[in-house]
């Protein structure tokens, strides 16, 4: 053997176990890098899909709430309902509220209040919570606090996973 071959001869004489470890380390590091990149791309794709789904869901909820708000506005502008509210005729108001709830399955409760936030009528009736003779003033409730009663559309409050309580204020 020449001197040059003797210098590289130690590589050939090493244990095959060392060669297997080096090869395993190379394959393992390549696999790790490939798996890490795959994980990152999957995470980016899932986040992008979630963002798109959240946008679609937001549009769907906005359309649903706008539909409920428009329904409430159309019922609030009915002349007979407004006349019944001016006269504080609970039976007349209850007929309209019953019609509203039977035609709109996503609304479970409607309350009509006067300009001082005193409840004139509600459907279904609130007697489970308060006796019928109890004068209820809703000016301290969350949906009316701080805004007074103006001719503005109020938000629709979510009360259960599938139903909404419709709150609408209108100067009578």
Protein backbone atom coordinates (compact mmCIF):
# COMPACT_ATOMS: atom_id res chain seq x y z
CA UNK A 1 0.00 0.00 0.00
CA UNK A 2 1.10 3.46 -0.70
CA UNK A 3 1.18 6.19 1.80
CA UNK A 4 -1.82 7.96 0.25
CA UNK A 5 -3.96 4.81 0.48
CA UNK A 6 -2.92 4.34 4.08
CA UNK A 7 -4.32 7.75 5.00
CA UNK A 8 -7.82 6.81 3.78
CA UNK A 9 -7.56 3.23 4.79
CA UNK A 10 -8.95 3.94 8.28
CA UNK A 11 -12.38 4.68 6.75
CA UNK A 12 -12.47 1.25 5.23
CA UNK A 13 -11.37 -0.42 8.44
CA UNK A 14 -13.96 1.19 10.71
CA UNK A 15 -16.78 -0.80 12.13
CA UNK A 16 -19.87 -1.19 9.85
CA UNK A 17 -21.89 -0.10 12.87
CA UNK A 18 -20.38 3.40 12.57
CA UNK A 19 -21.33 3.52 8.90
CA UNK A 20 -24.87 2.46 9.76
CA UNK A 21 -25.09 5.18 12.43
CA UNK A 22 -23.89 7.85 10.01
CA UNK A 23 -26.35 6.69 7.36
CA UNK A 24 -29.14 6.52 9.94
CA UNK A 25 -28.33 10.05 11.15
CA UNK A 26 -28.44 11.35 7.58
CA UNK A 27 -31.73 9.62 6.79
CA UNK A 28 -33.21 10.68 10.15
CA UNK A 29 -32.28 14.34 9.67
CA UNK A 30 -33.72 14.37 6.13
CA UNK A 31 -36.92 12.72 7.40
CA UNK A 32 -37.13 15.20 10.27
CA UNK A 33 -36.79 18.18 7.93
CA UNK A 34 -39.36 16.76 5.49
CA UNK A 35 -41.83 16.01 8.31
CA UNK A 36 -41.32 19.44 9.85
CA UNK A 37 -42.02 21.16 6.53
CA UNK A 38 -45.07 18.96 5.99
CA UNK A 39 -46.35 19.84 9.46
CA UNK A 40 -45.83 23.57 8.85
CA UNK A 41 -47.59 23.47 5.48
CA UNK A 42 -50.49 21.48 6.98
CA UNK A 43 -50.81 23.96 9.83
CA UNK A 44 -50.82 26.89 7.37
CA UNK A 45 -53.44 25.17 5.23
CA UNK A 46 -55.66 24.42 8.24
CA UNK A 47 -55.39 27.99 9.49
CA UNK A 48 -56.25 29.33 6.04
CA UNK A 49 -59.26 26.99 5.83
CA UNK A 50 -60.38 28.03 9.32
CA UNK A 51 -60.08 31.69 8.33
CA UNK A 52 -62.19 31.09 5.22
CA UNK A 53 -64.79 29.11 7.21
CA UNK A 54 -64.93 31.83 9.87
CA UNK A 55 -65.54 34.42 7.16
CA UNK A 56 -68.37 32.35 5.67
CA UNK A 57 -69.88 31.79 9.10
CA UNK A 58 -69.69 35.50 9.89
CA UNK A 59 -71.49 36.31 6.63
CA UNK A 60 -74.11 33.67 7.35
CA UNK A 61 -74.74 34.98 10.88
CA UNK A 62 -74.84 38.58 9.65
CA UNK A 63 -77.46 37.68 7.04
CA UNK A 64 -79.46 35.74 9.63
CA UNK A 65 -79.40 38.57 12.16
CA UNK A 66 -80.21 41.12 9.44
CA UNK A 67 -83.20 38.98 8.45
CA UNK A 68 -84.40 38.90 12.06
CA UNK A 69 -83.86 42.65 12.42
CA UNK A 70 -85.79 43.36 9.23
CA UNK A 71 -88.60 41.11 10.43
CA UNK A 72 -88.74 42.99 13.74
CA UNK A 73 -88.72 46.34 11.97
CA UNK A 74 -91.57 45.29 9.69
CA UNK A 75 -93.63 44.09 12.66
CA UNK A 76 -92.82 47.23 14.66
CA UNK A 77 -94.16 49.43 11.86
CA UNK A 78 -97.55 47.69 11.67
CA UNK A 79 -100.24 50.33 12.25
CA UNK A 80 -102.47 48.08 14.36
CA UNK A 81 -99.56 47.05 16.57
CA UNK A 82 -98.51 50.68 17.02
CA UNK A 83 -102.10 51.68 17.80
CA UNK A 84 -102.38 48.87 20.35
CA UNK A 85 -99.11 49.98 21.94
CA UNK A 86 -100.30 53.60 22.14
CA UNK A 87 -103.51 52.45 23.84
CA UNK A 88 -101.55 49.94 25.95
CA UNK A 89 -103.90 47.18 24.78
CA UNK A 90 -102.05 44.00 25.77
CA UNK A 91 -104.47 41.68 23.92
CA UNK A 92 -103.99 43.50 20.62
CA UNK A 93 -100.22 43.52 21.04
CA UNK A 94 -100.19 39.83 22.03
CA UNK A 95 -101.95 38.87 18.77
CA UNK A 96 -99.17 40.49 16.75
CA UNK A 97 -96.45 39.01 18.94
CA UNK A 98 -98.01 35.56 18.64
CA UNK A 99 -98.07 35.97 14.87
CA UNK A 100 -94.43 37.06 14.86
CA UNK A 101 -93.22 34.11 16.91
CA UNK A 102 -95.29 31.56 14.99
CA UNK A 103 -93.96 32.88 11.65
CA UNK A 104 -90.34 33.21 12.76
CA UNK A 105 -89.11 30.02 14.49
CA UNK A 106 -85.74 31.55 15.46
CA UNK A 107 -87.34 34.16 17.75
CA UNK A 108 -88.42 32.80 21.09
CA UNK A 109 -89.48 35.95 22.98
CA UNK A 110 -90.59 39.45 22.04
CA UNK A 111 -91.15 42.28 24.49
CA UNK A 112 -92.92 45.54 23.69
CA UNK A 113 -92.04 48.43 25.99
CA UNK A 114 -93.18 52.04 26.09
CA UNK A 115 -90.88 55.07 25.89
CA UNK A 116 -90.10 54.81 29.62
CA UNK A 117 -89.05 51.16 29.15
CA UNK A 118 -92.09 49.78 30.96
CA UNK A 119 -93.12 46.44 29.51
CA UNK A 120 -96.51 46.66 27.82
CA UNK A 121 -96.65 43.11 26.57
CA UNK A 122 -94.45 40.11 26.06
CA UNK A 123 -94.92 36.87 24.28
CA UNK A 124 -94.63 34.31 25.74
CA UNK A 125 -95.70 36.01 28.94
CA UNK A 126 -93.10 36.68 31.61
CA UNK A 127 -95.26 35.32 34.46
CA UNK A 128 -92.81 32.49 35.08
CA UNK A 129 -90.36 35.08 36.33
CA UNK A 130 -92.65 37.82 37.63
CA UNK A 131 -96.30 37.84 38.64
CA UNK A 132 -98.65 39.36 36.07
CA UNK A 133 -99.44 42.32 38.33
CA UNK A 134 -95.78 43.25 38.82
CA UNK A 135 -94.88 46.40 36.84
CA UNK A 136 -91.72 45.55 34.96
CA UNK A 137 -89.34 48.26 33.85
CA UNK A 138 -86.59 47.08 31.54
CA UNK A 139 -84.55 50.30 31.48
CA UNK A 140 -81.88 48.67 33.66
CA UNK A 141 -81.42 45.65 31.43
CA UNK A 142 -78.19 45.18 29.53
CA UNK A 143 -79.69 45.69 26.10
CA UNK A 144 -81.09 49.11 27.01
CA UNK A 145 -78.59 50.45 29.56
CA UNK A 146 -76.77 53.59 28.57
CA UNK A 147 -78.69 54.25 25.38
CA UNK A 148 -82.09 55.39 26.54
CA UNK A 149 -84.90 54.66 24.14
CA UNK A 150 -84.41 56.16 20.72
CA UNK A 151 -85.51 55.29 17.24
CA UNK A 152 -82.61 52.95 16.72
CA UNK A 153 -82.42 49.28 15.97
CA UNK A 154 -81.22 47.22 18.92
CA UNK A 155 -79.15 44.06 18.58
CA UNK A 156 -80.78 40.68 18.79
CA UNK A 157 -79.59 38.83 21.89
CA UNK A 158 -78.59 35.18 21.63
CA UNK A 159 -80.34 33.20 24.37
CA UNK A 160 -79.79 29.59 23.33
CA UNK A 161 -77.79 27.71 20.69
CA UNK A 162 -80.54 27.91 18.07
CA UNK A 163 -82.96 30.63 19.12
CA UNK A 164 -82.85 34.38 19.58
CA UNK A 165 -84.76 36.75 21.78
CA UNK A 166 -85.75 39.69 19.67
CA UNK A 167 -85.41 43.08 21.27
CA UNK A 168 -86.54 46.06 19.28
CA UNK A 169 -87.16 49.55 20.59
CA UNK A 170 -89.23 52.11 18.80
CA UNK A 171 -90.67 55.34 20.10
CA UNK A 172 -94.41 54.92 20.49
